[in-house]
């Protein structure tokens, strides 16, 4: 079991991302983008927050904190990945502007083909071993093959097979979540998820980084006087990252079978999974608060 997981970890990470993006695509239509273009202020702010504000927060932590290389890479990777499909679901449940959330996710997902390798190079190139080179081309190819292509295929299902699109999306997301559970169990069995080794100090730093992102997502839309639904959508986009993509990139950068970078990969994996847990907890809290606000206003 353990050897099987270690041997095929990369492909588990790739397939969970493929199913997640197929599921998201099956909820998307081109008209979702047209509706947002008609009101570009919120969309532009959401994109700017994702591409500039979030990496700036990571830059502050990376360059003004004395962290281990592994935690630094974990923080940079979290900042470099876009919002995920779960952010769209959370925005919908929290009475946010769902088309806006989907559009920001889709555009930043396409943009991460360039921005993810760039942000990683800027923030963590010096923290990697001297003989290590950032596989920019490989990351870009993986984003294209495992993320963008399934997204387009899912949108094709929505367009040409609308009767099955909803159930198709639901089952794709379920399979993706099931694979993530398998990744967690496989990592636990292989001893890769060790909170004692990760350390309470690193957990505290990661919590502070998470809270800083949450503050950015909460304050910026309010300072610019966006409506409630748009504020909720942008807040969810900032807080809920595409951890699925992060798992794939980590498996690509630090394969489980590599003894040289195994410790680094394990720490980055833990950072991603811990951040993923925090974003789910805060997501549920935000959904509860915003649904109550929406109910009071009706």
Protein backbone atom coordinates (compact mmCIF):
# COMPACT_ATOMS: atom_id res chain seq x y z
CA UNK A 1 0.00 0.00 0.00
CA UNK A 2 2.69 2.50 1.06
CA UNK A 3 5.02 1.63 -1.81
CA UNK A 4 2.12 1.78 -4.27
CA UNK A 5 1.17 5.27 -3.06
CA UNK A 6 4.75 6.56 -3.12
CA UNK A 7 5.26 5.20 -6.63
CA UNK A 8 2.10 6.80 -8.04
CA UNK A 9 1.70 9.89 -5.82
CA UNK A 10 2.18 12.27 -8.75
CA UNK A 11 -0.59 10.60 -10.75
CA UNK A 12 -2.97 10.69 -7.79
CA UNK A 13 -2.32 14.44 -7.50
CA UNK A 14 -2.80 14.89 -11.25
CA UNK A 15 -6.08 12.97 -11.36
CA UNK A 16 -7.62 14.74 -8.37
CA UNK A 17 -6.95 18.04 -10.15
CA UNK A 18 -8.37 16.76 -13.45
CA UNK A 19 -11.63 15.67 -11.81
CA UNK A 20 -11.90 18.92 -9.84
CA UNK A 21 -11.51 21.04 -12.98
CA UNK A 22 -13.90 18.84 -14.99
CA UNK A 23 -16.47 19.41 -12.25
CA UNK A 24 -15.93 23.16 -12.24
CA UNK A 25 -16.06 23.38 -16.03
CA UNK A 26 -19.37 21.54 -16.10
CA UNK A 27 -20.91 24.45 -14.18
CA UNK A 28 -19.52 27.14 -16.51
CA UNK A 29 -20.90 28.79 -19.64
CA UNK A 30 -19.46 31.60 -21.75
CA UNK A 31 -22.35 33.85 -20.71
CA UNK A 32 -20.97 33.82 -17.17
CA UNK A 33 -18.03 35.85 -18.46
CA UNK A 34 -20.23 38.21 -20.49
CA UNK A 35 -22.29 39.15 -17.43
CA UNK A 36 -19.19 40.06 -15.45
CA UNK A 37 -17.64 42.10 -18.28
CA UNK A 38 -20.71 44.35 -18.18
CA UNK A 39 -19.73 45.33 -14.59
CA UNK A 40 -15.91 45.31 -14.68
CA UNK A 41 -15.09 47.08 -11.38
CA UNK A 42 -15.57 44.09 -9.09
CA UNK A 43 -13.98 41.72 -11.59
CA UNK A 44 -10.90 43.94 -11.99
CA UNK A 45 -10.55 44.29 -8.24
CA UNK A 46 -10.85 40.53 -7.73
CA UNK A 47 -8.17 39.82 -10.33
CA UNK A 48 -5.86 42.52 -8.94
CA UNK A 49 -6.26 41.22 -5.40
CA UNK A 50 -5.40 37.69 -6.49
CA UNK A 51 -2.45 38.59 -8.71
CA UNK A 52 -0.89 41.41 -6.66
CA UNK A 53 -2.21 41.70 -3.10
CA UNK A 54 -1.91 38.00 -2.21
CA UNK A 55 1.70 37.63 -3.52
CA UNK A 56 2.60 40.89 -1.70
CA UNK A 57 1.40 39.39 1.58
CA UNK A 58 3.52 36.31 0.88
CA UNK A 59 6.48 38.56 -0.02
CA UNK A 60 6.16 40.30 3.35
CA UNK A 61 6.19 36.98 5.21
CA UNK A 62 9.02 35.50 3.14
CA UNK A 63 11.39 38.46 3.27
CA UNK A 64 10.72 39.76 6.77
CA UNK A 65 10.37 36.42 8.51
CA UNK A 66 13.13 34.00 9.44
CA UNK A 67 11.42 30.81 8.33
CA UNK A 68 12.72 27.45 7.24
CA UNK A 69 13.12 26.95 3.49
CA UNK A 70 10.29 24.39 3.50
CA UNK A 71 7.77 26.73 5.15
CA UNK A 72 8.87 29.57 2.88
CA UNK A 73 8.24 27.41 -0.19
CA UNK A 74 4.86 26.37 1.25
CA UNK A 75 3.77 29.99 1.78
CA UNK A 76 4.98 30.99 -1.70
CA UNK A 77 3.17 28.07 -3.31
CA UNK A 78 -0.09 28.93 -1.53
CA UNK A 79 0.21 32.52 -2.80
CA UNK A 80 1.10 31.39 -6.32
CA UNK A 81 -1.95 29.20 -6.87
CA UNK A 82 -5.31 30.75 -7.81
CA UNK A 83 -8.65 30.35 -6.08
CA UNK A 84 -10.16 26.90 -6.41
CA UNK A 85 -13.46 25.36 -7.38
CA UNK A 86 -14.50 25.20 -3.72
CA UNK A 87 -14.41 29.02 -3.60
CA UNK A 88 -17.20 29.09 -6.19
CA UNK A 89 -19.31 26.67 -4.14
CA UNK A 90 -18.65 28.65 -0.95
CA UNK A 91 -19.51 31.94 -2.68
CA UNK A 92 -22.80 30.44 -3.84
CA UNK A 93 -23.67 29.08 -0.39
CA UNK A 94 -22.76 32.43 1.22
CA UNK A 95 -25.15 34.33 -1.10
CA UNK A 96 -22.25 35.88 -2.99
CA UNK A 97 -22.00 36.79 -6.68
CA UNK A 98 -21.41 33.31 -8.08
CA UNK A 99 -20.75 34.34 -11.73
CA UNK A 100 -18.16 36.84 -10.46
CA UNK A 101 -16.50 34.15 -8.34
CA UNK A 102 -16.45 31.70 -11.25
CA UNK A 103 -15.07 34.32 -13.64
CA UNK A 104 -12.24 35.34 -11.29
CA UNK A 105 -11.39 31.68 -10.72
CA UNK A 106 -11.42 30.91 -14.44
CA UNK A 107 -9.29 33.90 -15.48
CA UNK A 108 -6.73 33.52 -12.68
CA UNK A 109 -6.60 29.80 -13.42
CA UNK A 110 -5.73 30.53 -17.05
CA UNK A 111 -3.34 33.26 -15.95
CA UNK A 112 -1.53 30.99 -13.50
CA UNK A 113 0.01 29.29 -16.51
CA UNK A 114 2.41 32.25 -16.39
CA UNK A 115 1.97 33.72 -12.91
CA UNK A 116 2.55 30.57 -10.84
CA UNK A 117 6.07 29.82 -12.15
CA UNK A 118 6.89 33.56 -12.02
CA UNK A 119 5.79 34.01 -8.39
CA UNK A 120 7.62 30.86 -7.30
CA UNK A 121 10.79 32.02 -9.04
CA UNK A 122 10.62 35.47 -7.45
CA UNK A 123 9.81 34.31 -3.93
CA UNK A 124 11.64 31.04 -3.40
CA UNK A 125 14.33 30.47 -6.05
CA UNK A 126 17.07 31.32 -3.53
CA UNK A 127 15.65 28.93 -0.93
CA UNK A 128 15.97 25.88 -3.15
CA UNK A 129 19.17 23.78 -3.24
CA UNK A 130 21.90 25.05 -5.57
CA UNK A 131 21.57 22.09 -7.93
CA UNK A 132 17.79 22.52 -8.09
CA UNK A 133 16.22 24.32 -11.03
CA UNK A 134 12.61 25.47 -11.10
CA UNK A 135 10.87 23.40 -13.83
CA UNK A 136 8.97 26.38 -15.24
CA UNK A 137 8.17 24.65 -18.53
CA UNK A 138 6.98 21.50 -16.79
CA UNK A 139 4.74 23.44 -14.38
CA UNK A 140 3.27 25.43 -17.28
CA UNK A 141 2.66 22.19 -19.22
CA UNK A 142 1.01 20.55 -16.21
CA UNK A 143 -1.28 23.54 -15.68
CA UNK A 144 -2.26 23.38 -19.34
CA UNK A 145 -2.83 19.61 -19.48
CA UNK A 146 -4.24 18.86 -16.03
CA UNK A 147 -6.05 22.12 -15.32
CA UNK A 148 -7.02 24.08 -18.43
CA UNK A 149 -7.89 21.15 -20.71
CA UNK A 150 -10.25 19.52 -18.18
CA UNK A 151 -11.81 22.95 -17.58
CA UNK A 152 -12.56 23.32 -21.29
CA UNK A 153 -13.85 19.74 -21.51
CA UNK A 154 -16.14 20.35 -18.54
CA UNK A 155 -17.48 23.51 -20.18
CA UNK A 156 -18.13 21.45 -23.32
CA UNK A 157 -20.23 19.03 -21.25
CA UNK A 158 -22.22 21.99 -19.90
CA UNK A 159 -22.69 23.35 -23.43
CA UNK A 160 -23.49 20.19 -25.38
CA UNK A 161 -24.82 17.81 -22.71
CA UNK A 162 -26.75 20.10 -20.36
CA UNK A 163 -29.04 17.33 -19.08
CA UNK A 164 -26.16 15.46 -17.47
CA UNK A 165 -23.92 18.45 -16.64
CA UNK A 166 -25.14 18.88 -13.06
CA UNK A 167 -24.74 15.25 -12.02
CA UNK A 168 -21.46 15.03 -14.00
CA UNK A 169 -20.08 18.00 -12.06
CA UNK A 170 -21.24 16.57 -8.74
CA UNK A 171 -19.58 13.20 -9.30
CA UNK A 172 -16.36 14.73 -10.62
CA UNK A 173 -16.03 16.81 -7.45
CA UNK A 174 -16.80 13.74 -5.32
CA UNK A 175 -14.11 11.69 -7.06
CA UNK A 176 -11.63 14.55 -6.62
CA UNK A 177 -12.39 14.73 -2.89
CA UNK A 178 -12.08 10.95 -2.61
CA UNK A 179 -8.63 11.06 -4.21
CA UNK A 180 -7.58 13.82 -1.78
CA UNK A 181 -8.66 11.57 1.10
CA UNK A 182 -6.52 8.80 -0.40
CA UNK A 183 -3.57 11.21 -0.71
CA UNK A 184 -3.92 12.16 2.96
CA UNK A 185 -4.19 8.50 4.05
CA UNK A 186 -1.28 7.50 1.82
CA UNK A 187 0.86 10.33 3.17
CA UNK A 188 -0.03 9.40 6.75
CA UNK A 189 0.85 5.75 6.12
CA UNK A 190 4.18 6.77 4.60
CA UNK A 191 4.96 9.03 7.56
CA UNK A 192 4.87 12.18 5.44
CA UNK A 193 2.32 14.01 7.62
CA UNK A 194 4.04 14.51 10.95
CA UNK A 195 2.76 17.56 12.84
CA UNK A 196 5.40 17.08 15.53
CA UNK A 197 8.15 17.52 12.94
CA UNK A 198 6.31 20.44 11.33
CA UNK A 199 6.33 22.16 14.71
CA UNK A 200 3.95 24.41 16.61
CA UNK A 201 5.88 27.53 15.58
CA UNK A 202 5.43 26.75 11.89
CA UNK A 203 1.73 26.08 12.47
CA UNK A 204 1.40 29.48 14.18
CA UNK A 205 3.19 31.22 11.29
CA UNK A 206 0.91 29.50 8.78
CA UNK A 207 -2.15 30.57 10.79
CA UNK A 208 -0.88 34.18 10.77
CA UNK A 209 -0.37 34.02 7.00
CA UNK A 210 -3.87 32.63 6.57
CA UNK A 211 -5.38 35.37 8.75
CA UNK A 212 -3.44 38.02 6.81
CA UNK A 213 -4.95 36.76 3.54
CA UNK A 214 -8.40 36.68 5.16
CA UNK A 215 -7.94 40.30 6.26
CA UNK A 216 -6.92 41.34 2.73
CA UNK A 217 -9.93 39.58 1.23
CA UNK A 218 -12.24 41.16 3.79
CA UNK A 219 -10.95 44.75 3.80
CA UNK A 220 -10.08 45.61 0.19
CA UNK A 221 -13.59 45.09 -1.29
CA UNK A 222 -15.12 47.03 1.61
CA UNK A 223 -12.71 49.96 1.27
CA UNK A 224 -13.75 50.25 -2.38
CA UNK A 225 -17.45 50.11 -1.50
CA UNK A 226 -18.45 47.01 -3.45
CA UNK A 227 -21.89 45.56 -2.88
CA UNK A 228 -22.34 42.70 -0.41
CA UNK A 229 -22.58 39.91 -3.01
CA UNK A 230 -19.39 41.03 -4.78
CA UNK A 231 -17.52 41.43 -1.48
CA UNK A 232 -18.41 37.87 -0.50
CA UNK A 233 -17.25 36.50 -3.87
CA UNK A 234 -13.85 38.24 -3.70
CA UNK A 235 -13.37 37.30 -0.05
CA UNK A 236 -13.94 33.64 -0.85
CA UNK A 237 -11.57 33.82 -3.84
CA UNK A 238 -8.75 35.15 -1.66
CA UNK A 239 -9.27 32.80 1.28
CA UNK A 240 -10.05 29.56 -0.57
CA UNK A 241 -7.02 28.62 -2.68
CA UNK A 242 -6.73 25.84 -5.27
CA UNK A 243 -4.93 23.43 -2.94
CA UNK A 244 -5.53 20.72 -5.56
CA UNK A 245 -3.14 22.51 -7.91
CA UNK A 246 -0.70 23.05 -5.05
CA UNK A 247 -0.63 19.31 -4.35
CA UNK A 248 0.18 18.60 -7.99
CA UNK A 249 2.98 21.17 -8.15
CA UNK A 250 4.44 19.90 -4.87
CA UNK A 251 4.37 16.31 -6.17
CA UNK A 252 6.13 17.55 -9.30
CA UNK A 253 8.79 19.60 -7.49
CA UNK A 254 9.42 17.14 -4.65
CA UNK A 255 8.46 13.56 -5.67
CA UNK A 256 7.82 11.15 -2.81
CA UNK A 257 10.38 8.80 -4.33
CA UNK A 258 13.14 11.45 -4.16
CA UNK A 259 15.23 10.98 -1.03
CA UNK A 260 17.14 14.23 -1.61
CA UNK A 261 14.08 16.50 -1.35
CA UNK A 262 11.73 14.21 0.62
CA UNK A 263 11.87 16.26 3.84
CA UNK A 264 11.20 19.51 1.98
CA UNK A 265 8.30 17.98 0.06
CA UNK A 266 6.77 16.59 3.25
CA UNK A 267 6.82 20.01 4.93
CA UNK A 268 5.32 21.74 1.90
CA UNK A 269 2.64 19.04 1.70
CA UNK A 270 1.77 19.62 5.35
CA UNK A 271 1.59 23.38 4.82
CA UNK A 272 -0.83 22.88 1.92
CA UNK A 273 -3.08 20.46 3.80
CA UNK A 274 -3.11 22.59 6.95
CA UNK A 275 -3.98 25.68 4.93
CA UNK A 276 -6.69 23.66 3.20
CA UNK A 277 -8.16 22.71 6.58
CA UNK A 278 -8.13 26.34 7.75
CA UNK A 279 -9.81 27.61 4.60
CA UNK A 280 -12.61 25.06 5.00
CA UNK A 281 -13.20 26.10 8.61
CA UNK A 282 -13.25 29.83 7.82
CA UNK A 283 -15.32 29.16 4.71
CA UNK A 284 -18.06 27.54 6.79
CA UNK A 285 -17.96 30.46 9.26
CA UNK A 286 -18.25 33.02 6.44
CA UNK A 287 -21.10 31.08 4.85
CA UNK A 288 -23.02 31.08 8.14
CA UNK A 289 -22.44 34.81 8.77
CA UNK A 290 -23.31 35.93 5.26
CA UNK A 291 -26.41 33.76 4.98
CA UNK A 292 -27.71 35.31 8.20
CA UNK A 293 -27.02 38.79 6.82
CA UNK A 294 -28.82 37.92 3.59
CA UNK A 295 -31.81 36.51 5.47
CA UNK A 296 -32.08 39.62 7.65
CA UNK A 297 -32.03 41.90 4.61
CA UNK A 298 -34.91 40.04 2.90
